């Protein structure tokens, strides 16, 4: 008689593992962002905030969270980079 072992995984277990993996990958990728200048830092944070906001708005309004995140991230990165100061003091 052949016995087979079944493993039971729930959606919560799968989601938790996926979330933990995404967090680990994100932390690894952001570890290379320590030597950014002011403009690059503003573009990165603007892109992250824009992507999160765009994904949330896309999901709430019934649209695509992926496209909302892409559009929001691009817009946030552009605004963050364009509004950063050059670091030079302007005299009048």
N, C-alpha and C. Protein backbone atom coordinates (compact mmCIF):
# COMPACT_ATOMS: atom_id res chain seq x y z
N UNK A 1 0.83 -1.16 0.00
CA UNK A 1 0.00 0.00 0.00
C UNK A 1 0.88 1.24 0.00
N UNK A 2 0.54 2.15 -0.86
CA UNK A 2 1.33 3.36 -1.01
C UNK A 2 0.69 4.50 -0.20
N UNK A 3 1.51 5.11 0.63
CA UNK A 3 1.00 6.23 1.41
C UNK A 3 1.54 7.53 0.82
N UNK A 4 0.69 8.47 0.78
CA UNK A 4 1.11 9.80 0.33
C UNK A 4 0.86 10.79 1.44
N UNK A 5 1.75 11.71 1.55
CA UNK A 5 1.62 12.72 2.58
C UNK A 5 1.08 13.99 1.95
N UNK A 6 0.05 14.52 2.53
CA UNK A 6 -0.54 15.76 2.03
C UNK A 6 -0.12 16.92 2.93
N UNK A 7 0.16 18.01 2.30
CA UNK A 7 0.44 19.21 3.07
C UNK A 7 -0.71 20.17 2.87
N UNK A 8 -1.15 20.72 3.94
CA UNK A 8 -2.26 21.65 3.90
C UNK A 8 -1.73 23.05 4.16
N UNK A 9 -1.86 23.88 3.19
CA UNK A 9 -1.47 25.27 3.37
C UNK A 9 -2.71 26.12 3.18
N UNK A 10 -2.81 27.10 3.97
CA UNK A 10 -3.94 28.02 3.86
C UNK A 10 -3.50 29.25 3.09
N UNK A 11 -4.48 30.02 2.70
CA UNK A 11 -4.16 31.27 2.00
C UNK A 11 -3.41 32.23 2.90
N UNK A 12 -3.74 32.21 4.18
CA UNK A 12 -3.05 33.11 5.11
C UNK A 12 -1.58 32.75 5.22
N UNK A 13 -1.26 31.47 5.24
CA UNK A 13 0.14 31.05 5.31
C UNK A 13 0.88 31.45 4.04
N UNK A 14 0.24 31.26 2.90
CA UNK A 14 0.87 31.63 1.63
C UNK A 14 1.07 33.13 1.54
N UNK A 15 0.08 33.90 1.96
CA UNK A 15 0.22 35.36 1.93
C UNK A 15 1.29 35.84 2.89
N UNK A 16 1.38 35.23 4.05
CA UNK A 16 2.41 35.64 5.01
C UNK A 16 3.80 35.37 4.45
N UNK A 17 3.98 34.21 3.82
CA UNK A 17 5.29 33.89 3.23
C UNK A 17 5.61 34.83 2.08
N UNK A 18 4.61 35.15 1.27
CA UNK A 18 4.82 36.08 0.16
C UNK A 18 5.17 37.47 0.68
N UNK A 19 4.47 37.92 1.71
CA UNK A 19 4.76 39.23 2.30
C UNK A 19 6.15 39.30 2.91
N UNK A 20 6.55 38.24 3.58
CA UNK A 20 7.89 38.21 4.17
C UNK A 20 8.97 38.24 3.10
N UNK A 21 8.73 37.52 2.00
CA UNK A 21 9.70 37.51 0.91
C UNK A 21 9.78 38.88 0.24
N UNK A 22 8.64 39.53 0.04
CA UNK A 22 8.63 40.86 -0.56
C UNK A 22 9.35 41.86 0.34
N UNK A 23 9.16 41.76 1.64
CA UNK A 23 9.84 42.65 2.58
C UNK A 23 11.34 42.43 2.56
N UNK A 24 11.76 41.20 2.49
CA UNK A 24 13.20 40.89 2.43
C UNK A 24 13.83 41.41 1.15
N UNK A 25 13.16 41.22 0.03
CA UNK A 25 13.68 41.71 -1.25
C UNK A 25 13.72 43.23 -1.26
N UNK A 26 12.67 43.86 -0.75
CA UNK A 26 12.64 45.32 -0.70
C UNK A 26 13.75 45.89 0.17
N UNK A 27 13.98 45.29 1.32
CA UNK A 27 15.05 45.77 2.20
C UNK A 27 16.42 45.58 1.56
N UNK A 28 16.60 44.50 0.84
CA UNK A 28 17.87 44.27 0.15
C UNK A 28 18.10 45.30 -0.95
N UNK A 29 17.06 45.58 -1.72
CA UNK A 29 17.20 46.56 -2.80
C UNK A 29 17.43 47.97 -2.27
N UNK A 30 16.78 48.32 -1.18
CA UNK A 30 16.95 49.66 -0.62
C UNK A 30 18.28 49.82 0.11
N UNK A 31 18.95 48.73 0.38
CA UNK A 31 20.25 48.82 1.03
C UNK A 31 21.30 49.51 0.16
N UNK A 32 21.10 49.52 -1.14
CA UNK A 32 22.03 50.18 -2.05
C UNK A 32 21.75 51.65 -2.23
N UNK A 33 20.80 52.19 -1.52
CA UNK A 33 20.40 53.60 -1.69
C UNK A 33 20.99 54.51 -0.64
N UNK A 34 22.09 54.14 -0.03
CA UNK A 34 22.64 54.94 1.05
C UNK A 34 23.49 56.10 0.57
N UNK A 35 23.96 56.08 -0.66
CA UNK A 35 24.84 57.14 -1.14
C UNK A 35 24.15 58.05 -2.15
N UNK A 36 22.90 58.37 -1.92
CA UNK A 36 22.16 59.22 -2.85
C UNK A 36 22.33 60.68 -2.49
N UNK A 37 22.36 61.52 -3.52
CA UNK A 37 22.37 62.95 -3.25
C UNK A 37 20.93 63.40 -2.97
N UNK A 38 20.75 64.69 -2.70
CA UNK A 38 19.44 65.20 -2.29
C UNK A 38 18.39 65.00 -3.38
N UNK A 39 18.72 65.30 -4.62
CA UNK A 39 17.75 65.17 -5.72
C UNK A 39 17.35 63.70 -5.92
N UNK A 40 18.30 62.80 -5.88
CA UNK A 40 17.99 61.39 -6.06
C UNK A 40 17.14 60.85 -4.90
N UNK A 41 17.44 61.33 -3.70
CA UNK A 41 16.66 60.91 -2.53
C UNK A 41 15.22 61.39 -2.65
N UNK A 42 15.02 62.65 -3.09
CA UNK A 42 13.67 63.18 -3.26
C UNK A 42 12.93 62.42 -4.36
N UNK A 43 13.60 62.08 -5.44
CA UNK A 43 12.96 61.33 -6.52
C UNK A 43 12.55 59.93 -6.04
N UNK A 44 13.40 59.28 -5.26
CA UNK A 44 13.10 57.95 -4.74
C UNK A 44 11.91 57.98 -3.79
N UNK A 45 11.91 58.89 -2.83
CA UNK A 45 10.80 58.95 -1.89
C UNK A 45 9.52 59.42 -2.57
N UNK A 46 9.63 60.35 -3.50
CA UNK A 46 8.44 60.77 -4.24
C UNK A 46 7.85 59.65 -5.06
N UNK A 47 8.70 58.85 -5.67
CA UNK A 47 8.24 57.71 -6.44
C UNK A 47 7.58 56.66 -5.57
N UNK A 48 8.14 56.41 -4.39
CA UNK A 48 7.56 55.42 -3.49
C UNK A 48 6.20 55.87 -2.97
N UNK A 49 6.11 57.13 -2.58
CA UNK A 49 4.84 57.65 -2.09
C UNK A 49 3.81 57.70 -3.21
N UNK A 50 4.22 58.11 -4.39
CA UNK A 50 3.31 58.15 -5.53
C UNK A 50 2.84 56.77 -5.94
N UNK A 51 3.71 55.79 -5.89
CA UNK A 51 3.32 54.42 -6.25
C UNK A 51 2.33 53.86 -5.25
N UNK A 52 2.56 54.09 -3.98
CA UNK A 52 1.63 53.60 -2.96
C UNK A 52 0.28 54.29 -3.09
N UNK A 53 0.30 55.59 -3.28
CA UNK A 53 -0.95 56.33 -3.43
C UNK A 53 -1.69 55.94 -4.70
N UNK A 54 -0.97 55.80 -5.79
CA UNK A 54 -1.60 55.42 -7.05
C UNK A 54 -2.19 54.03 -7.01
N UNK A 55 -1.50 53.11 -6.36
CA UNK A 55 -2.03 51.75 -6.23
C UNK A 55 -3.28 51.73 -5.36
N UNK A 56 -3.27 52.50 -4.29
CA UNK A 56 -4.43 52.55 -3.40
C UNK A 56 -5.63 53.17 -4.11
N UNK A 57 -5.40 54.26 -4.82
CA UNK A 57 -6.50 54.91 -5.55
C UNK A 57 -7.01 54.00 -6.66
N UNK A 58 -6.12 53.34 -7.36
CA UNK A 58 -6.53 52.41 -8.41
C UNK A 58 -7.36 51.26 -7.87
N UNK A 59 -6.99 50.74 -6.72
CA UNK A 59 -7.73 49.63 -6.13
C UNK A 59 -9.08 50.07 -5.60
N UNK A 60 -9.14 51.25 -4.99
CA UNK A 60 -10.39 51.73 -4.41
C UNK A 60 -11.40 52.11 -5.48
N UNK A 61 -10.95 52.70 -6.56
CA UNK A 61 -11.87 53.15 -7.59
C UNK A 61 -12.29 52.04 -8.54
N UNK A 62 -11.79 50.85 -8.36
CA UNK A 62 -12.18 49.74 -9.22
C UNK A 62 -11.28 49.57 -10.43
N UNK A 63 -10.27 50.39 -10.55
CA UNK A 63 -9.32 50.26 -11.65
C UNK A 63 -8.22 49.27 -11.29
N UNK A 64 -7.16 49.34 -12.01
CA UNK A 64 -6.04 48.44 -11.78
C UNK A 64 -5.07 49.07 -10.79
N UNK A 65 -4.75 48.34 -9.73
CA UNK A 65 -3.79 48.83 -8.76
C UNK A 65 -2.39 48.88 -9.36
N UNK A 66 -2.09 47.98 -10.30
CA UNK A 66 -0.77 47.95 -10.93
C UNK A 66 -0.55 49.20 -11.78
N UNK A 67 -1.52 49.50 -12.64
CA UNK A 67 -1.38 50.69 -13.48
C UNK A 67 -1.41 51.96 -12.65
N UNK A 68 -2.22 51.99 -11.62
CA UNK A 68 -2.24 53.14 -10.72
C UNK A 68 -0.91 53.34 -10.03
N UNK A 69 -0.30 52.24 -9.61
CA UNK A 69 1.00 52.32 -8.95
C UNK A 69 2.09 52.77 -9.91
N UNK A 70 2.04 52.28 -11.14
CA UNK A 70 3.04 52.70 -12.13
C UNK A 70 2.91 54.18 -12.45
N UNK A 71 1.70 54.62 -12.68
CA UNK A 71 1.48 56.02 -13.01
C UNK A 71 1.81 56.92 -11.83
N UNK A 72 1.36 56.54 -10.64
CA UNK A 72 1.66 57.32 -9.45
C UNK A 72 3.14 57.37 -9.13
N UNK A 73 3.83 56.25 -9.33
CA UNK A 73 5.26 56.22 -9.07
C UNK A 73 6.05 57.09 -10.02
N UNK A 74 5.67 57.07 -11.30
CA UNK A 74 6.35 57.92 -12.28
C UNK A 74 6.10 59.40 -11.98
N UNK A 75 4.86 59.72 -11.67
CA UNK A 75 4.54 61.12 -11.36
C UNK A 75 5.23 61.57 -10.08
N UNK A 76 5.23 60.74 -9.06
CA UNK A 76 5.88 61.10 -7.80
C UNK A 76 7.38 61.26 -7.94
N UNK A 77 8.02 60.40 -8.72
CA UNK A 77 9.46 60.53 -8.94
C UNK A 77 9.79 61.81 -9.70
N UNK A 78 8.97 62.14 -10.69
CA UNK A 78 9.21 63.36 -11.45
C UNK A 78 9.04 64.59 -10.58
N UNK A 79 7.97 64.63 -9.80
CA UNK A 79 7.75 65.78 -8.92
C UNK A 79 8.84 65.87 -7.86
N UNK A 80 9.24 64.76 -7.29
CA UNK A 80 10.30 64.77 -6.29
C UNK A 80 11.62 65.26 -6.84
N UNK A 81 11.96 64.84 -8.05
CA UNK A 81 13.23 65.27 -8.65
C UNK A 81 13.19 66.73 -9.08
N UNK A 82 12.05 67.17 -9.58
CA UNK A 82 11.96 68.54 -10.08
C UNK A 82 11.83 69.57 -8.97
N UNK A 83 11.36 69.18 -7.80
CA UNK A 83 11.20 70.15 -6.71
C UNK A 83 12.38 70.16 -5.76
N UNK A 84 13.38 69.35 -5.99
CA UNK A 84 14.56 69.32 -5.12
C UNK A 84 15.43 70.54 -5.39
N UNK A 85 15.94 71.10 -4.31
CA UNK A 85 16.86 72.23 -4.45
C UNK A 85 18.22 71.72 -4.90
N UNK A 86 18.98 72.60 -5.52
CA UNK A 86 20.31 72.22 -5.99
C UNK A 86 21.34 72.13 -4.86
N UNK A 87 20.97 72.63 -3.71
CA UNK A 87 21.91 72.63 -2.61
C UNK A 87 22.75 73.89 -2.55
N UNK A 88 22.57 74.78 -3.50
CA UNK A 88 23.31 76.04 -3.51
C UNK A 88 22.42 77.12 -2.93
N UNK A 89 23.01 78.01 -2.19
CA UNK A 89 22.28 79.14 -1.62
C UNK A 89 22.21 80.23 -2.68
N UNK A 90 21.03 80.76 -2.88
CA UNK A 90 20.85 81.84 -3.85
C UNK A 90 20.90 83.18 -3.13
N UNK A 91 21.69 84.08 -3.67
CA UNK A 91 21.79 85.43 -3.09
C UNK A 91 20.93 86.37 -3.89
N UNK A 92 20.40 87.33 -3.20
CA UNK A 92 19.60 88.37 -3.86
C UNK A 92 20.39 89.61 -4.03
